[in-house]
Amino acid sequence: MSAEALPGAGRTPRDIRHGLFQALGLPGEPPARPIKFDTLLKEALGEEFRVLVCDEAQWMKKTGFEF
């Protein structure tokens, strides 16, 4: 699978969560609470081997990397 989940610069952790949710094709609505959202993403990302590439990283906010 290849997807551009986070086009543009200055993305926040919320933007990253929603971008990954869409790129992974997860069903339903994204969880409203960050902790539940993070748990869902970790479980989905752990189901198979994946490579995440961060292009234009110099434009990302520090909080994006902390996420």
PDB file of N, CA and C in Angstrom:
ATOM      1  N   MET A   1       0.848  -1.171   0.000  1.00  0.00           N
ATOM      2  CA  MET A   1       0.000   0.000   0.000  1.00  0.00           C
ATOM      3  C   MET A   1       0.893   1.234   0.000  1.00  0.00           C
ATOM      4  N   SER A   2       0.520   2.188  -0.752  1.00  0.00           N
ATOM      5  CA  SER A   2       1.228   3.458  -0.761  1.00  0.00           C
ATOM      6  C   SER A   2       0.186   4.561  -0.689  1.00  0.00           C
ATOM      7  N   ALA A   3       0.393   5.485   0.220  1.00  0.00           N
ATOM      8  CA  ALA A   3      -0.571   6.568   0.372  1.00  0.00           C
ATOM      9  C   ALA A   3       0.127   7.807   0.896  1.00  0.00           C
ATOM     10  N   GLU A   4      -0.306   8.939   0.416  1.00  0.00           N
ATOM     11  CA  GLU A   4       0.192  10.206   0.953  1.00  0.00           C
ATOM     12  C   GLU A   4      -0.783  10.629   2.038  1.00  0.00           C
ATOM     13  N   ALA A   5      -0.415  10.305   3.257  1.00  0.00           N
ATOM     14  CA  ALA A   5      -1.327  10.520   4.375  1.00  0.00           C
ATOM     15  C   ALA A   5      -1.316  11.944   4.900  1.00  0.00           C
ATOM     16  N   LEU A   6      -0.211  12.630   4.735  1.00  0.00           N
ATOM     17  CA  LEU A   6      -0.071  13.918   5.389  1.00  0.00           C
ATOM     18  C   LEU A   6       0.515  14.966   4.462  1.00  0.00           C
ATOM     19  N   PRO A   7      -0.182  15.345   3.423  1.00  0.00           N
ATOM     20  CA  PRO A   7       0.385  16.369   2.548  1.00  0.00           C
ATOM     21  C   PRO A   7       0.483  17.712   3.260  1.00  0.00           C
ATOM     22  N   GLY A   8       1.492  18.460   2.937  1.00  0.00           N
ATOM     23  CA  GLY A   8       1.647  19.792   3.503  1.00  0.00           C
ATOM     24  C   GLY A   8       2.512  19.803   4.751  1.00  0.00           C
ATOM     25  N   ALA A   9       2.820  20.997   5.177  1.00  0.00           N
ATOM     26  CA  ALA A   9       3.711  21.171   6.329  1.00  0.00           C
ATOM     27  C   ALA A   9       2.932  21.608   7.557  1.00  0.00           C
ATOM     28  N   GLY A  10       3.601  21.558   8.699  1.00  0.00           N
ATOM     29  CA  GLY A  10       3.007  22.069   9.937  1.00  0.00           C
ATOM     30  C   GLY A  10       1.908  21.210  10.502  1.00  0.00           C
ATOM     31  N   ARG A  11       1.959  19.915  10.257  1.00  0.00           N
ATOM     32  CA  ARG A  11       0.904  19.033  10.744  1.00  0.00           C
ATOM     33  C   ARG A  11       0.988  18.831  12.246  1.00  0.00           C
ATOM     34  N   THR A  12      -0.164  18.742  12.879  1.00  0.00           N
ATOM     35  CA  THR A  12      -0.264  18.512  14.323  1.00  0.00           C
ATOM     36  C   THR A  12      -0.471  17.016  14.570  1.00  0.00           C
ATOM     37  N   PRO A  13      -0.321  16.558  15.821  1.00  0.00           N
ATOM     38  CA  PRO A  13      -0.615  15.155  16.111  1.00  0.00           C
ATOM     39  C   PRO A  13      -2.031  14.756  15.672  1.00  0.00           C
ATOM     40  N   ARG A  14      -2.991  15.650  15.825  1.00  0.00           N
ATOM     41  CA  ARG A  14      -4.360  15.353  15.384  1.00  0.00           C
ATOM     42  C   ARG A  14      -4.388  15.106  13.874  1.00  0.00           C
ATOM     43  N   ASP A  15      -3.703  15.951  13.114  1.00  0.00           N
ATOM     44  CA  ASP A  15      -3.638  15.770  11.661  1.00  0.00           C
ATOM     45  C   ASP A  15      -3.000  14.435  11.300  1.00  0.00           C
ATOM     46  N   ILE A  16      -1.941  14.078  12.020  1.00  0.00           N
ATOM     47  CA  ILE A  16      -1.247  12.822  11.760  1.00  0.00           C
ATOM     48  C   ILE A  16      -2.167  11.644  12.049  1.00  0.00           C
ATOM     49  N   ARG A  17      -2.862  11.688  13.167  1.00  0.00           N
ATOM     50  CA  ARG A  17      -3.800  10.603  13.508  1.00  0.00           C
ATOM     51  C   ARG A  17      -4.840  10.419  12.403  1.00  0.00           C
ATOM     52  N   HIS A  18      -5.457  11.514  12.002  1.00  0.00           N
ATOM     53  CA  HIS A  18      -6.510  11.423  10.987  1.00  0.00           C
ATOM     54  C   HIS A  18      -5.955  10.988   9.630  1.00  0.00           C
ATOM     55  N   GLY A  19      -4.761  11.451   9.290  1.00  0.00           N
ATOM     56  CA  GLY A  19      -4.142  11.037   8.035  1.00  0.00           C
ATOM     57  C   GLY A  19      -3.851   9.544   8.010  1.00  0.00           C
ATOM     58  N   LEU A  20      -3.326   9.018   9.115  1.00  0.00           N
ATOM     59  CA  LEU A  20      -3.056   7.588   9.202  1.00  0.00           C
ATOM     60  C   LEU A  20      -4.345   6.777   9.202  1.00  0.00           C
ATOM     61  N   PHE A  21      -5.364   7.268   9.871  1.00  0.00           N
ATOM     62  CA  PHE A  21      -6.655   6.583   9.894  1.00  0.00           C
ATOM     63  C   PHE A  21      -7.165   6.390   8.472  1.00  0.00           C
ATOM     64  N   GLN A  22      -7.100   7.445   7.678  1.00  0.00           N
ATOM     65  CA  GLN A  22      -7.547   7.371   6.283  1.00  0.00           C
ATOM     66  C   GLN A  22      -6.639   6.478   5.454  1.00  0.00           C
ATOM     67  N   ALA A  23      -5.326   6.649   5.579  1.00  0.00           N
ATOM     68  CA  ALA A  23      -4.373   5.881   4.775  1.00  0.00           C
ATOM     69  C   ALA A  23      -4.468   4.387   5.064  1.00  0.00           C
ATOM     70  N   LEU A  24      -4.769   4.029   6.304  1.00  0.00           N
ATOM     71  CA  LEU A  24      -4.901   2.626   6.673  1.00  0.00           C
ATOM     72  C   LEU A  24      -6.266   2.057   6.290  1.00  0.00           C
ATOM     73  N   GLY A  25      -7.185   2.918   5.892  1.00  0.00           N
ATOM     74  CA  GLY A  25      -8.522   2.455   5.504  1.00  0.00           C
ATOM     75  C   GLY A  25      -9.297   1.843   6.650  1.00  0.00           C
ATOM     76  N   LEU A  26      -9.135   2.403   7.841  1.00  0.00           N
ATOM     77  CA  LEU A  26      -9.833   1.864   9.004  1.00  0.00           C
ATOM     78  C   LEU A  26     -11.325   2.166   8.920  1.00  0.00           C
ATOM     79  N   PRO A  27     -12.158   1.215   9.337  1.00  0.00           N
ATOM     80  CA  PRO A  27     -13.607   1.403   9.241  1.00  0.00           C
ATOM     81  C   PRO A  27     -14.159   2.308  10.344  1.00  0.00           C
ATOM     82  N   GLY A  28     -15.322   2.853  10.100  1.00  0.00           N
ATOM     83  CA  GLY A  28     -16.011   3.650  11.103  1.00  0.00           C
ATOM     84  C   GLY A  28     -15.465   5.053  11.220  1.00  0.00           C
ATOM     85  N   GLU A  29     -15.811   5.662  12.326  1.00  0.00           N
ATOM     86  CA  GLU A  29     -15.387   7.030  12.613  1.00  0.00           C
ATOM     87  C   GLU A  29     -14.133   7.018  13.478  1.00  0.00           C
ATOM     88  N   PRO A  30     -13.253   7.986  13.296  1.00  0.00           N
ATOM     89  CA  PRO A  30     -12.078   8.064  14.162  1.00  0.00           C
ATOM     90  C   PRO A  30     -12.489   8.330  15.608  1.00  0.00           C
ATOM     91  N   PRO A  31     -11.804   7.705  16.574  1.00  0.00           N
ATOM     92  CA  PRO A  31     -12.113   7.969  17.980  1.00  0.00           C
ATOM     93  C   PRO A  31     -11.912   9.442  18.330  1.00  0.00           C
ATOM     94  N   ALA A  32     -12.731   9.939  19.217  1.00  0.00           N
ATOM     95  CA  ALA A  32     -12.652  11.345  19.614  1.00  0.00           C
ATOM     96  C   ALA A  32     -11.517  11.597  20.610  1.00  0.00           C
ATOM     97  N   ARG A  33     -11.216  10.613  21.431  1.00  0.00           N
ATOM     98  CA  ARG A  33     -10.185  10.787  22.460  1.00  0.00           C
ATOM     99  C   ARG A  33      -8.823  10.333  21.928  1.00  0.00           C
ATOM    100  N   PRO A  34      -7.796  11.166  22.088  1.00  0.00           N
ATOM    101  CA  PRO A  34      -6.469  10.829  21.562  1.00  0.00           C
ATOM    102  C   PRO A  34      -5.924   9.483  22.044  1.00  0.00           C
ATOM    103  N   ILE A  35      -6.112   9.136  23.309  1.00  0.00           N
ATOM    104  CA  ILE A  35      -5.561   7.881  23.824  1.00  0.00           C
ATOM    105  C   ILE A  35      -6.193   6.680  23.127  1.00  0.00           C
ATOM    106  N   LYS A  36      -7.494   6.744  22.882  1.00  0.00           N
ATOM    107  CA  LYS A  36      -8.170   5.650  22.176  1.00  0.00           C
ATOM    108  C   LYS A  36      -7.748   5.621  20.710  1.00  0.00           C
ATOM    109  N   PHE A  37      -7.573   6.794  20.137  1.00  0.00           N
ATOM    110  CA  PHE A  37      -7.136   6.912  18.749  1.00  0.00           C
ATOM    111  C   PHE A  37      -5.737   6.301  18.605  1.00  0.00           C
ATOM    112  N   ASP A  38      -4.828   6.639  19.508  1.00  0.00           N
ATOM    113  CA  ASP A  38      -3.469   6.111  19.457  1.00  0.00           C
ATOM    114  C   ASP A  38      -3.455   4.592  19.589  1.00  0.00           C
ATOM    115  N   THR A  39      -4.271   4.067  20.490  1.00  0.00           N
ATOM    116  CA  THR A  39      -4.356   2.617  20.679  1.00  0.00           C
ATOM    117  C   THR A  39      -4.835   1.938  19.402  1.00  0.00           C
ATOM    118  N   LEU A  40      -5.861   2.484  18.784  1.00  0.00           N
ATOM    119  CA  LEU A  40      -6.386   1.932  17.537  1.00  0.00           C
ATOM    120  C   LEU A  40      -5.316   1.935  16.447  1.00  0.00           C
ATOM    121  N   LEU A  41      -4.604   3.036  16.301  1.00  0.00           N
ATOM    122  CA  LEU A  41      -3.557   3.127  15.281  1.00  0.00           C
ATOM    123  C   LEU A  41      -2.415   2.158  15.557  1.00  0.00           C
ATOM    124  N   LYS A  42      -1.990   2.036  16.801  1.00  0.00           N
ATOM    125  CA  LYS A  42      -0.907   1.114  17.144  1.00  0.00           C
ATOM    126  C   LYS A  42      -1.296  -0.325  16.817  1.00  0.00           C
ATOM    127  N   GLU A  43      -2.535  -0.692  17.118  1.00  0.00           N
ATOM    128  CA  GLU A  43      -2.999  -2.047  16.817  1.00  0.00           C
ATOM    129  C   GLU A  43      -3.039  -2.279  15.308  1.00  0.00           C
ATOM    130  N   ALA A  44      -3.556  -1.306  14.563  1.00  0.00           N
ATOM    131  CA  ALA A  44      -3.647  -1.443  13.112  1.00  0.00           C
ATOM    132  C   ALA A  44      -2.263  -1.495  12.470  1.00  0.00           C
ATOM    133  N   LEU A  45      -1.352  -0.651  12.934  1.00  0.00           N
ATOM    134  CA  LEU A  45       0.006  -0.638  12.380  1.00  0.00           C
ATOM    135  C   LEU A  45       0.778  -1.904  12.750  1.00  0.00           C
ATOM    136  N   GLY A  46       0.421  -2.543  13.845  1.00  0.00           N
ATOM    137  CA  GLY A  46       1.104  -3.754  14.282  1.00  0.00           C
ATOM    138  C   GLY A  46       0.630  -5.021  13.598  1.00  0.00           C
ATOM    139  N   GLU A  47      -0.414  -4.944  12.786  1.00  0.00           N
ATOM    140  CA  GLU A  47      -0.961  -6.130  12.134  1.00  0.00           C
ATOM    141  C   GLU A  47      -0.055  -6.676  11.035  1.00  0.00           C
ATOM    142  N   GLU A  48       0.722  -5.819  10.408  1.00  0.00           N
ATOM    143  CA  GLU A  48       1.644  -6.258   9.361  1.00  0.00           C
ATOM    144  C   GLU A  48       2.820  -5.290   9.297  1.00  0.00           C
ATOM    145  N   PHE A  49       3.884  -5.739   8.637  1.00  0.00           N
ATOM    146  CA  PHE A  49       5.073  -4.904   8.514  1.00  0.00           C
ATOM    147  C   PHE A  49       4.759  -3.711   7.625  1.00  0.00           C
ATOM    148  N   ARG A  50       5.153  -2.530   8.075  1.00  0.00           N
ATOM    149  CA  ARG A  50       4.927  -1.301   7.310  1.00  0.00           C
ATOM    150  C   ARG A  50       6.151  -0.408   7.407  1.00  0.00           C
ATOM    151  N   VAL A  51       6.327   0.407   6.410  1.00  0.00           N
ATOM    152  CA  VAL A  51       7.380   1.407   6.408  1.00  0.00           C
ATOM    153  C   VAL A  51       6.708   2.764   6.284  1.00  0.00           C
ATOM    154  N   LEU A  52       6.976   3.636   7.227  1.00  0.00           N
ATOM    155  CA  LEU A  52       6.441   4.991   7.172  1.00  0.00           C
ATOM    156  C   LEU A  52       7.572   5.925   6.766  1.00  0.00           C
ATOM    157  N   VAL A  53       7.332   6.720   5.758  1.00  0.00           N
ATOM    158  CA  VAL A  53       8.333   7.652   5.262  1.00  0.00           C
ATOM    159  C   VAL A  53       7.858   9.063   5.558  1.00  0.00           C
ATOM    160  N   CYS A  54       8.743   9.858   6.097  1.00  0.00           N
ATOM    161  CA  CYS A  54       8.420  11.241   6.422  1.00  0.00           C
ATOM    162  C   CYS A  54       9.247  12.151   5.522  1.00  0.00           C
ATOM    163  N   ASP A  55       8.648  12.600   4.441  1.00  0.00           N
ATOM    164  CA  ASP A  55       9.318  13.516   3.529  1.00  0.00           C
ATOM    165  C   ASP A  55       9.017  14.941   3.980  1.00  0.00           C
ATOM    166  N   GLU A  56       9.931  15.840   3.732  1.00  0.00           N
ATOM    167  CA  GLU A  56       9.770  17.241   4.141  1.00  0.00           C
ATOM    168  C   GLU A  56       9.670  17.373   5.660  1.00  0.00           C
ATOM    169  N   ALA A  57      10.379  16.510   6.364  1.00  0.00           N
ATOM    170  CA  ALA A  57      10.324  16.496   7.826  1.00  0.00           C
ATOM    171  C   ALA A  57      10.771  17.814   8.442  1.00  0.00           C
ATOM    172  N   GLN A  58      11.616  18.529   7.758  1.00  0.00           N
ATOM    173  CA  GLN A  58      12.106  19.792   8.322  1.00  0.00           C
ATOM    174  C   GLN A  58      10.981  20.799   8.531  1.00  0.00           C
ATOM    175  N   TRP A  59       9.847  20.579   7.885  1.00  0.00           N
ATOM    176  CA  TRP A  59       8.724  21.508   8.016  1.00  0.00           C
ATOM    177  C   TRP A  59       7.713  21.074   9.077  1.00  0.00           C
ATOM    178  N   MET A  60       7.910  19.887   9.633  1.00  0.00           N
ATOM    179  CA  MET A  60       6.967  19.409  10.635  1.00  0.00           C
ATOM    180  C   MET A  60       7.221  20.060  11.983  1.00  0.00           C
ATOM    181  N   LYS A  61       6.154  20.224  12.744  1.00  0.00           N
ATOM    182  CA  LYS A  61       6.268  20.750  14.101  1.00  0.00           C
ATOM    183  C   LYS A  61       6.862  19.683  15.014  1.00  0.00           C
ATOM    184  N   LYS A  62       7.482  20.110  16.088  1.00  0.00           N
ATOM    185  CA  LYS A  62       8.090  19.192  17.048  1.00  0.00           C
ATOM    186  C   LYS A  62       7.054  18.201  17.597  1.00  0.00           C
ATOM    187  N   THR A  63       5.837  18.654  17.816  1.00  0.00           N
ATOM    188  CA  THR A  63       4.799  17.776  18.361  1.00  0.00           C
ATOM    189  C   THR A  63       4.488  16.609  17.422  1.00  0.00           C
ATOM    190  N   GLY A  64       4.680  16.818  16.127  1.00  0.00           N
ATOM    191  CA  GLY A  64       4.456  15.740  15.172  1.00  0.00           C
ATOM    192  C   GLY A  64       5.443  14.613  15.352  1.00  0.00           C
ATOM    193  N   PHE A  65       6.676  14.935  15.660  1.00  0.00           N
ATOM    194  CA  PHE A  65       7.688  13.926  15.888  1.00  0.00           C
ATOM    195  C   PHE A  65       7.499  13.251  17.255  1.00  0.00           C
ATOM    196  N   GLU A  66       7.033  14.006  18.214  1.00  0.00           N
ATOM    197  CA  GLU A  66       6.781  13.424  19.531  1.00  0.00           C
ATOM    198  C   GLU A  66       5.672  12.394  19.456  1.00  0.00           C
ATOM    199  N   PHE A  67       4.715  12.634  18.568  1.00  0.00           N
ATOM    200  CA  PHE A  67       3.625  11.681  18.392  1.00  0.00           C
ATOM    201  C   PHE A  67       4.184  10.393  17.865  1.00  0.00           C
TER     202      PHE A  67
END
